[in-house]
Amino acid sequence: MKRLVYLFAVIPCLYAHSASAAPPAAPYLSAPELLEVCATSLPKQLECKEDFCSAMVDLRKRHQARFAAVDRAEMVKMCLSEIAVDGAGDFSARKERCAAWSKDRPTPQVLRSDAEAAAACFQKPTCQERIACWAPFTEKQLAAKPLRKAGT
């Protein structure tokens, strides 16, 4: 089975970006911003790995037909294994991983306002609260499936 990491790490990562002091005019995060978000978010997901993987697997099974028949326990096990590696290392290494996952894929449309709201989720005191807050943003992304071509 292909690595499940693209949506275990990249799509969820898209939501952990905090707003800068002077937000850009673009309504969506750019491809470079998405890579920054991904690299920053992986350790946060690792910190909450059990809750993160449980929620992410449930979302993928619900919104991605190719995972509907895949054993949930196996998917969670794979996610836990992947995030243990993907969430480790320095920022540069994590950013390179994110770039490799997203190479040759359309750029996800992530509204800046959603990214800002989701970033607040990772400030909550417990992993259960963080992931419960974060999951609706990721579910919205998975349900909508809007993509932009790279570079737009």
N, C-alpha and C. Protein backbone atom coordinates (compact mmCIF):
# COMPACT_ATOMS: atom_id res chain seq x y z
N MET A 1 0.85 -1.17 0.00
CA MET A 1 0.00 0.00 0.00
C MET A 1 0.90 1.23 0.00
N LYS A 2 0.50 2.22 -0.81
CA LYS A 2 1.25 3.47 -0.85
C LYS A 2 1.23 4.14 0.51
N ARG A 3 2.29 4.89 0.80
CA ARG A 3 2.31 5.66 2.05
C ARG A 3 1.07 6.52 2.15
N LEU A 4 0.49 6.55 3.30
CA LEU A 4 -0.72 7.35 3.54
C LEU A 4 -0.36 8.75 4.02
N VAL A 5 0.92 9.05 4.07
CA VAL A 5 1.36 10.26 4.72
C VAL A 5 0.87 11.54 4.07
N TYR A 6 0.63 11.56 2.77
CA TYR A 6 0.27 12.82 2.14
C TYR A 6 -0.91 13.48 2.85
N LEU A 7 -1.96 12.74 3.05
CA LEU A 7 -3.09 13.34 3.73
C LEU A 7 -3.01 13.20 5.24
N PHE A 8 -2.17 12.30 5.74
CA PHE A 8 -1.97 12.26 7.18
C PHE A 8 -1.19 13.47 7.63
N ALA A 9 -0.28 13.95 6.81
CA ALA A 9 0.58 15.04 7.23
C ALA A 9 0.33 16.33 6.48
N VAL A 10 0.31 16.29 5.19
CA VAL A 10 0.23 17.54 4.44
C VAL A 10 -1.11 18.22 4.61
N ILE A 11 -2.21 17.55 4.32
CA ILE A 11 -3.50 18.21 4.42
C ILE A 11 -3.76 18.70 5.84
N PRO A 12 -3.57 17.86 6.86
CA PRO A 12 -3.79 18.38 8.21
C PRO A 12 -2.86 19.53 8.55
N CYS A 13 -1.64 19.49 8.06
CA CYS A 13 -0.67 20.53 8.37
C CYS A 13 -1.12 21.87 7.84
N LEU A 14 -1.88 21.85 6.83
CA LEU A 14 -2.27 23.09 6.20
C LEU A 14 -3.00 24.00 7.16
N TYR A 15 -3.52 23.44 8.23
CA TYR A 15 -4.37 24.20 9.12
C TYR A 15 -3.67 24.74 10.34
N ALA A 16 -2.41 24.56 10.48
CA ALA A 16 -1.75 24.99 11.71
C ALA A 16 -0.97 26.28 11.53
N HIS A 17 -1.20 26.99 10.47
CA HIS A 17 -0.48 28.22 10.16
C HIS A 17 -1.04 29.38 10.97
N SER A 18 -0.17 30.15 11.60
CA SER A 18 -0.64 31.34 12.29
C SER A 18 -0.51 32.55 11.38
N ALA A 19 -1.35 33.51 11.62
CA ALA A 19 -1.35 34.72 10.79
C ALA A 19 -0.13 35.55 11.09
N SER A 20 0.39 36.22 10.07
CA SER A 20 1.50 37.15 10.27
C SER A 20 0.91 38.50 10.66
N ALA A 21 1.77 39.42 11.06
CA ALA A 21 1.32 40.74 11.50
C ALA A 21 0.60 41.47 10.37
N ALA A 22 1.07 41.32 9.14
CA ALA A 22 0.44 41.96 7.99
C ALA A 22 0.03 40.88 7.00
N PRO A 23 -1.22 40.40 7.09
CA PRO A 23 -1.64 39.28 6.23
C PRO A 23 -1.61 39.68 4.75
N PRO A 24 -1.15 38.75 3.91
CA PRO A 24 -1.15 39.00 2.48
C PRO A 24 -2.58 39.16 1.96
N ALA A 25 -2.70 39.77 0.81
CA ALA A 25 -4.02 40.02 0.24
C ALA A 25 -4.69 38.75 -0.28
N ALA A 26 -3.91 37.76 -0.66
CA ALA A 26 -4.46 36.54 -1.23
C ALA A 26 -5.35 35.82 -0.23
N PRO A 27 -6.52 35.35 -0.67
CA PRO A 27 -7.42 34.66 0.26
C PRO A 27 -6.94 33.26 0.63
N TYR A 28 -6.09 32.67 -0.22
CA TYR A 28 -5.60 31.31 0.02
C TYR A 28 -4.12 31.33 0.35
N LEU A 29 -3.70 30.35 1.13
CA LEU A 29 -2.27 30.19 1.39
C LEU A 29 -1.57 29.79 0.10
N SER A 30 -0.40 30.32 -0.11
CA SER A 30 0.39 29.98 -1.30
C SER A 30 1.09 28.64 -1.09
N ALA A 31 1.61 28.07 -2.17
CA ALA A 31 2.34 26.80 -2.07
C ALA A 31 3.51 26.90 -1.09
N PRO A 32 4.33 27.96 -1.14
CA PRO A 32 5.41 28.06 -0.16
C PRO A 32 4.90 28.17 1.28
N GLU A 33 3.80 28.88 1.48
CA GLU A 33 3.22 28.97 2.82
C GLU A 33 2.74 27.60 3.29
N LEU A 34 2.17 26.83 2.39
CA LEU A 34 1.69 25.49 2.76
C LEU A 34 2.84 24.60 3.22
N LEU A 35 3.99 24.73 2.58
CA LEU A 35 5.16 23.94 3.00
C LEU A 35 5.62 24.36 4.39
N GLU A 36 5.61 25.65 4.66
CA GLU A 36 5.98 26.15 5.99
C GLU A 36 5.02 25.60 7.05
N VAL A 37 3.75 25.65 6.73
CA VAL A 37 2.71 25.16 7.64
C VAL A 37 2.92 23.67 7.91
N CYS A 38 3.15 22.93 6.86
CA CYS A 38 3.35 21.49 7.00
C CYS A 38 4.53 21.20 7.92
N ALA A 39 5.66 21.81 7.66
CA ALA A 39 6.86 21.55 8.45
C ALA A 39 6.69 21.96 9.91
N THR A 40 5.96 23.02 10.14
CA THR A 40 5.71 23.49 11.50
C THR A 40 4.73 22.58 12.23
N SER A 41 3.79 22.02 11.51
CA SER A 41 2.70 21.26 12.13
C SER A 41 3.06 19.82 12.49
N LEU A 42 3.96 19.24 11.77
CA LEU A 42 4.26 17.83 12.02
C LEU A 42 4.62 17.52 13.48
N PRO A 43 5.46 18.30 14.14
CA PRO A 43 5.75 17.98 15.55
C PRO A 43 4.52 18.13 16.45
N LYS A 44 3.63 19.04 16.10
CA LYS A 44 2.40 19.22 16.88
C LYS A 44 1.52 17.98 16.74
N GLN A 45 1.48 17.43 15.54
CA GLN A 45 0.70 16.21 15.32
C GLN A 45 1.36 15.03 16.02
N LEU A 46 2.69 14.99 16.00
CA LEU A 46 3.41 13.92 16.70
C LEU A 46 3.11 13.98 18.20
N GLU A 47 3.06 15.18 18.75
CA GLU A 47 2.77 15.34 20.17
C GLU A 47 1.40 14.76 20.55
N CYS A 48 0.48 14.78 19.61
CA CYS A 48 -0.88 14.28 19.83
C CYS A 48 -1.16 13.06 18.94
N LYS A 49 -0.17 12.24 18.74
CA LYS A 49 -0.24 11.20 17.70
C LYS A 49 -1.43 10.26 17.82
N GLU A 50 -1.79 9.83 19.01
CA GLU A 50 -2.90 8.88 19.12
C GLU A 50 -4.22 9.53 18.70
N ASP A 51 -4.49 10.71 19.23
CA ASP A 51 -5.72 11.41 18.88
C ASP A 51 -5.70 11.83 17.41
N PHE A 52 -4.53 12.32 16.95
CA PHE A 52 -4.40 12.74 15.57
C PHE A 52 -4.67 11.58 14.61
N CYS A 53 -4.02 10.46 14.82
CA CYS A 53 -4.17 9.33 13.88
C CYS A 53 -5.59 8.77 13.92
N SER A 54 -6.17 8.68 15.09
CA SER A 54 -7.54 8.19 15.18
C SER A 54 -8.49 9.08 14.38
N ALA A 55 -8.37 10.39 14.58
CA ALA A 55 -9.24 11.32 13.86
C ALA A 55 -8.96 11.31 12.36
N MET A 56 -7.69 11.32 11.99
CA MET A 56 -7.35 11.39 10.57
C MET A 56 -7.82 10.15 9.83
N VAL A 57 -7.67 9.00 10.43
CA VAL A 57 -8.13 7.76 9.80
C VAL A 57 -9.65 7.81 9.62
N ASP A 58 -10.36 8.22 10.63
CA ASP A 58 -11.82 8.30 10.52
C ASP A 58 -12.23 9.26 9.40
N LEU A 59 -11.56 10.39 9.30
CA LEU A 59 -11.87 11.36 8.25
C LEU A 59 -11.58 10.79 6.87
N ARG A 60 -10.46 10.12 6.74
CA ARG A 60 -10.11 9.55 5.43
C ARG A 60 -11.09 8.45 5.04
N LYS A 61 -11.46 7.61 5.98
CA LYS A 61 -12.41 6.54 5.66
C LYS A 61 -13.77 7.11 5.26
N ARG A 62 -14.15 8.21 5.88
CA ARG A 62 -15.44 8.84 5.59
C ARG A 62 -15.44 9.59 4.25
N HIS A 63 -14.34 10.20 3.89
CA HIS A 63 -14.33 11.08 2.72
C HIS A 63 -13.52 10.59 1.53
N GLN A 64 -12.80 9.50 1.67
CA GLN A 64 -12.00 8.99 0.56
C GLN A 64 -12.34 7.53 0.32
N ALA A 65 -13.08 7.31 -0.73
CA ALA A 65 -13.62 5.98 -1.02
C ALA A 65 -12.55 4.89 -1.04
N ARG A 66 -11.35 5.22 -1.48
CA ARG A 66 -10.31 4.18 -1.58
C ARG A 66 -9.91 3.61 -0.21
N PHE A 67 -10.28 4.31 0.87
CA PHE A 67 -9.94 3.83 2.21
C PHE A 67 -11.13 3.22 2.94
N ALA A 68 -12.29 3.26 2.36
CA ALA A 68 -13.50 2.78 3.04
C ALA A 68 -13.38 1.33 3.51
N ALA A 69 -12.79 0.48 2.70
CA ALA A 69 -12.70 -0.94 3.04
C ALA A 69 -11.39 -1.32 3.73
N VAL A 70 -10.49 -0.37 3.90
CA VAL A 70 -9.21 -0.67 4.55
C VAL A 70 -9.43 -0.78 6.05
N ASP A 71 -8.78 -1.75 6.66
CA ASP A 71 -8.92 -1.99 8.09
C ASP A 71 -8.49 -0.75 8.89
N ARG A 72 -9.38 -0.26 9.73
CA ARG A 72 -9.10 0.95 10.51
C ARG A 72 -7.88 0.79 11.39
N ALA A 73 -7.79 -0.34 12.09
CA ALA A 73 -6.66 -0.56 13.00
C ALA A 73 -5.33 -0.53 12.24
N GLU A 74 -5.31 -1.09 11.05
CA GLU A 74 -4.10 -1.06 10.23
C GLU A 74 -3.76 0.36 9.80
N MET A 75 -4.78 1.12 9.45
CA MET A 75 -4.53 2.51 9.06
C MET A 75 -3.99 3.32 10.23
N VAL A 76 -4.54 3.13 11.41
CA VAL A 76 -4.06 3.85 12.59
C VAL A 76 -2.62 3.45 12.87
N LYS A 77 -2.34 2.16 12.79
CA LYS A 77 -0.98 1.67 13.03
C LYS A 77 0.00 2.30 12.03
N MET A 78 -0.39 2.38 10.77
CA MET A 78 0.46 2.98 9.75
C MET A 78 0.67 4.46 10.02
N CYS A 79 -0.39 5.15 10.39
CA CYS A 79 -0.30 6.57 10.69
C CYS A 79 0.65 6.81 11.87
N LEU A 80 0.52 6.04 12.92
CA LEU A 80 1.39 6.18 14.09
C LEU A 80 2.86 5.98 13.72
N SER A 81 3.09 4.99 12.86
CA SER A 81 4.45 4.72 12.42
C SER A 81 4.99 5.88 11.58
N GLU A 82 4.18 6.39 10.68
CA GLU A 82 4.61 7.48 9.81
C GLU A 82 4.84 8.77 10.57
N ILE A 83 3.93 9.13 11.46
CA ILE A 83 4.08 10.41 12.15
C ILE A 83 5.27 10.37 13.11
N ALA A 84 5.63 9.20 13.61
CA ALA A 84 6.81 9.09 14.47
C ALA A 84 8.07 9.50 13.71
N VAL A 85 8.13 9.21 12.44
CA VAL A 85 9.27 9.59 11.60
C VAL A 85 9.08 11.01 11.09
N ASP A 86 7.90 11.28 10.55
CA ASP A 86 7.66 12.55 9.87
C ASP A 86 7.67 13.75 10.82
N GLY A 87 7.27 13.55 12.06
CA GLY A 87 7.24 14.64 13.02
C GLY A 87 8.57 14.92 13.68
N ALA A 88 9.56 14.08 13.41
CA ALA A 88 10.88 14.23 14.00
C ALA A 88 11.81 15.01 13.06
N GLY A 89 12.94 15.38 13.59
CA GLY A 89 13.94 16.08 12.77
C GLY A 89 13.78 17.58 12.84
N ASP A 90 14.74 18.27 12.22
CA ASP A 90 14.69 19.73 12.26
C ASP A 90 13.72 20.26 11.20
N PHE A 91 13.47 21.55 11.27
CA PHE A 91 12.51 22.20 10.39
C PHE A 91 12.84 21.95 8.92
N SER A 92 14.09 22.09 8.57
CA SER A 92 14.51 21.93 7.17
C SER A 92 14.20 20.52 6.66
N ALA A 93 14.50 19.52 7.45
CA ALA A 93 14.22 18.13 7.04
C ALA A 93 12.72 17.90 6.89
N ARG A 94 11.94 18.45 7.83
CA ARG A 94 10.49 18.29 7.73
C ARG A 94 9.95 19.01 6.51
N LYS A 95 10.47 20.18 6.21
CA LYS A 95 10.02 20.94 5.05
C LYS A 95 10.35 20.19 3.75
N GLU A 96 11.50 19.56 3.70
CA GLU A 96 11.86 18.75 2.53
C GLU A 96 10.89 17.59 2.35
N ARG A 97 10.49 16.95 3.46
CA ARG A 97 9.51 15.87 3.38
C ARG A 97 8.19 16.39 2.83
N CYS A 98 7.77 17.52 3.33
CA CYS A 98 6.51 18.12 2.87
C CYS A 98 6.57 18.43 1.37
N ALA A 99 7.69 18.94 0.93
CA ALA A 99 7.86 19.26 -0.49
C ALA A 99 7.81 17.99 -1.33
N ALA A 100 8.42 16.93 -0.86
CA ALA A 100 8.40 15.66 -1.61
C ALA A 100 6.98 15.11 -1.70
N TRP A 101 6.20 15.20 -0.62
CA TRP A 101 4.83 14.69 -0.62
C TRP A 101 3.95 15.46 -1.59
N SER A 102 4.17 16.76 -1.68
CA SER A 102 3.28 17.59 -2.48
C SER A 102 3.76 17.78 -3.92
N LYS A 103 4.93 17.28 -4.23
CA LYS A 103 5.47 17.43 -5.58
C LYS A 103 4.52 16.79 -6.60
N ASP A 104 4.28 17.50 -7.67
CA ASP A 104 3.43 17.03 -8.77
C ASP A 104 1.98 16.82 -8.37
N ARG A 105 1.56 17.42 -7.28
CA ARG A 105 0.15 17.35 -6.86
C ARG A 105 -0.44 18.75 -6.96
N PRO A 106 -1.72 18.85 -7.21
CA PRO A 106 -2.36 20.17 -7.20
C PRO A 106 -2.22 20.81 -5.82
N THR A 107 -2.17 22.11 -5.79
CA THR A 107 -2.07 22.83 -4.52
C THR A 107 -3.44 22.90 -3.87
N PRO A 108 -3.56 22.40 -2.64
CA PRO A 108 -4.86 22.47 -1.96
C PRO A 108 -5.28 23.93 -1.73
N GLN A 109 -6.55 24.20 -1.84
CA GLN A 109 -7.08 25.53 -1.54
C GLN A 109 -7.37 25.60 -0.06
N VAL A 110 -6.58 26.37 0.65
CA VAL A 110 -6.78 26.55 2.08
C VAL A 110 -6.99 28.04 2.32
N LEU A 111 -8.18 28.38 2.73
CA LEU A 111 -8.46 29.77 3.03
C LEU A 111 -7.60 30.24 4.20
N ARG A 112 -7.06 31.40 4.06
CA ARG A 112 -6.24 31.98 5.10
C ARG A 112 -7.03 32.07 6.41
N SER A 113 -8.29 32.44 6.33
CA SER A 113 -9.12 32.56 7.54
C SER A 113 -9.29 31.21 8.23
N ASP A 114 -9.43 30.14 7.46
CA ASP A 114 -9.53 28.80 8.07
C ASP A 114 -8.21 28.41 8.72
N ALA A 115 -7.12 28.72 8.05
CA ALA A 115 -5.81 28.39 8.60
C ALA A 115 -5.57 29.10 9.92
N GLU A 116 -5.97 30.36 9.98
CA GLU A 116 -5.80 31.12 11.21
C GLU A 116 -6.67 30.55 12.34
N ALA A 117 -7.90 30.21 12.02
CA ALA A 117 -8.79 29.66 13.04
C ALA A 117 -8.29 28.29 13.52
N ALA A 118 -7.81 27.49 12.60
CA ALA A 118 -7.32 26.16 12.97
C ALA A 118 -6.04 26.24 13.78
N ALA A 119 -5.22 27.26 13.52
CA ALA A 119 -3.97 27.42 14.29
C ALA A 119 -4.26 27.55 15.77
N ALA A 120 -5.36 28.18 16.10
CA ALA A 120 -5.73 28.35 17.51
C ALA A 120 -6.00 27.00 18.17
N CYS A 121 -6.38 26.01 17.40
CA CYS A 121 -6.65 24.68 17.96
C CYS A 121 -5.45 24.11 18.69
N PHE A 122 -4.27 24.35 18.14
CA PHE A 122 -3.07 23.75 18.73
C PHE A 122 -2.60 24.50 19.97
N GLN A 123 -3.34 25.52 20.38
CA GLN A 123 -3.05 26.23 21.63
C GLN A 123 -3.88 25.68 22.78
N LYS A 124 -4.80 24.79 22.48
CA LYS A 124 -5.66 24.22 23.53
C LYS A 124 -4.81 23.36 24.46
N PRO A 125 -5.26 23.16 25.71
CA PRO A 125 -4.42 22.50 26.71
C PRO A 125 -4.20 20.99 26.54
N THR A 126 -5.16 20.29 25.96
CA THR A 126 -4.98 18.83 25.84
C THR A 126 -5.02 18.40 24.37
N CYS A 127 -4.42 17.27 24.11
CA CYS A 127 -4.44 16.74 22.74
C CYS A 127 -5.86 16.46 22.28
N GLN A 128 -6.68 15.92 23.16
CA GLN A 128 -8.06 15.64 22.78
C GLN A 128 -8.77 16.92 22.34
N GLU A 129 -8.57 18.00 23.06
CA GLU A 129 -9.19 19.28 22.68
C GLU A 129 -8.60 19.83 21.39
N ARG A 130 -7.29 19.71 21.23
CA ARG A 130 -6.64 20.21 20.02
C ARG A 130 -7.19 19.52 18.78
N ILE A 131 -7.24 18.20 18.83
CA ILE A 131 -7.66 17.44 17.66
C ILE A 131 -9.15 17.59 17.42
N ALA A 132 -9.95 17.65 18.46
CA ALA A 132 -11.40 17.87 18.30
C ALA A 132 -11.66 19.22 17.64
N CYS A 133 -10.86 20.20 17.95
CA CYS A 133 -10.98 21.53 17.35
C CYS A 133 -10.49 21.52 15.90
N TRP A 134 -9.37 20.84 15.64
CA TRP A 134 -8.73 20.79 14.34
C TRP A 134 -9.51 19.95 13.31
N ALA A 135 -10.10 18.86 13.73
CA ALA A 135 -10.73 17.91 12.82
C ALA A 135 -11.78 18.53 11.88
N PRO A 136 -12.66 19.42 12.35
CA PRO A 136 -13.64 19.99 11.42
C PRO A 136 -13.00 20.77 10.26
N PHE A 137 -11.87 21.41 10.50
CA PHE A 137 -11.19 22.13 9.41
C PHE A 137 -10.65 21.15 8.37
N THR A 138 -10.09 20.06 8.85
CA THR A 138 -9.56 19.06 7.93
C THR A 138 -10.70 18.34 7.22
N GLU A 139 -11.79 18.08 7.93
CA GLU A 139 -12.94 17.45 7.29
C GLU A 139 -13.49 18.34 6.18
N LYS A 140 -13.56 19.63 6.43
CA LYS A 140 -14.02 20.57 5.41
C LYS A 140 -13.15 20.46 4.16
N GLN A 141 -11.85 20.37 4.36
CA GLN A 141 -10.92 20.26 3.23
C GLN A 141 -11.13 18.95 2.48
N LEU A 142 -11.26 17.87 3.20
CA LEU A 142 -11.44 16.56 2.56
C LEU A 142 -12.79 16.46 1.86
N ALA A 143 -13.82 17.04 2.44
CA ALA A 143 -15.16 16.97 1.85
C ALA A 143 -15.27 17.83 0.59
N ALA A 144 -14.64 18.99 0.62
CA ALA A 144 -14.73 19.91 -0.51
C ALA A 144 -13.87 19.49 -1.69
N LYS A 145 -12.69 18.99 -1.41
CA LYS A 145 -11.74 18.55 -2.42
C LYS A 145 -11.43 19.61 -3.47
N PRO A 146 -11.46 20.90 -3.13
CA PRO A 146 -11.10 21.89 -4.16
C PRO A 146 -9.58 21.99 -4.27
N LEU A 147 -9.09 21.94 -5.46
CA LEU A 147 -7.64 22.03 -5.67
C LEU A 147 -7.33 23.07 -6.72
N ARG A 148 -6.18 23.67 -6.58
CA ARG A 148 -5.66 24.59 -7.59
C ARG A 148 -4.47 23.93 -8.24
N LYS A 149 -4.22 24.27 -9.47
CA LYS A 149 -3.01 23.77 -10.11
C LYS A 149 -1.82 24.41 -9.44
N ALA A 150 -0.70 23.68 -9.38
CA ALA A 150 0.51 24.20 -8.77
C ALA A 150 0.88 25.53 -9.39
N GLY A 151 1.30 26.47 -8.53
CA GLY A 151 1.73 27.77 -9.00
C GLY A 151 0.62 28.80 -9.11
N THR A 152 -0.61 28.44 -8.78
CA THR A 152 -1.70 29.41 -8.86
C THR A 152 -2.17 29.80 -7.47
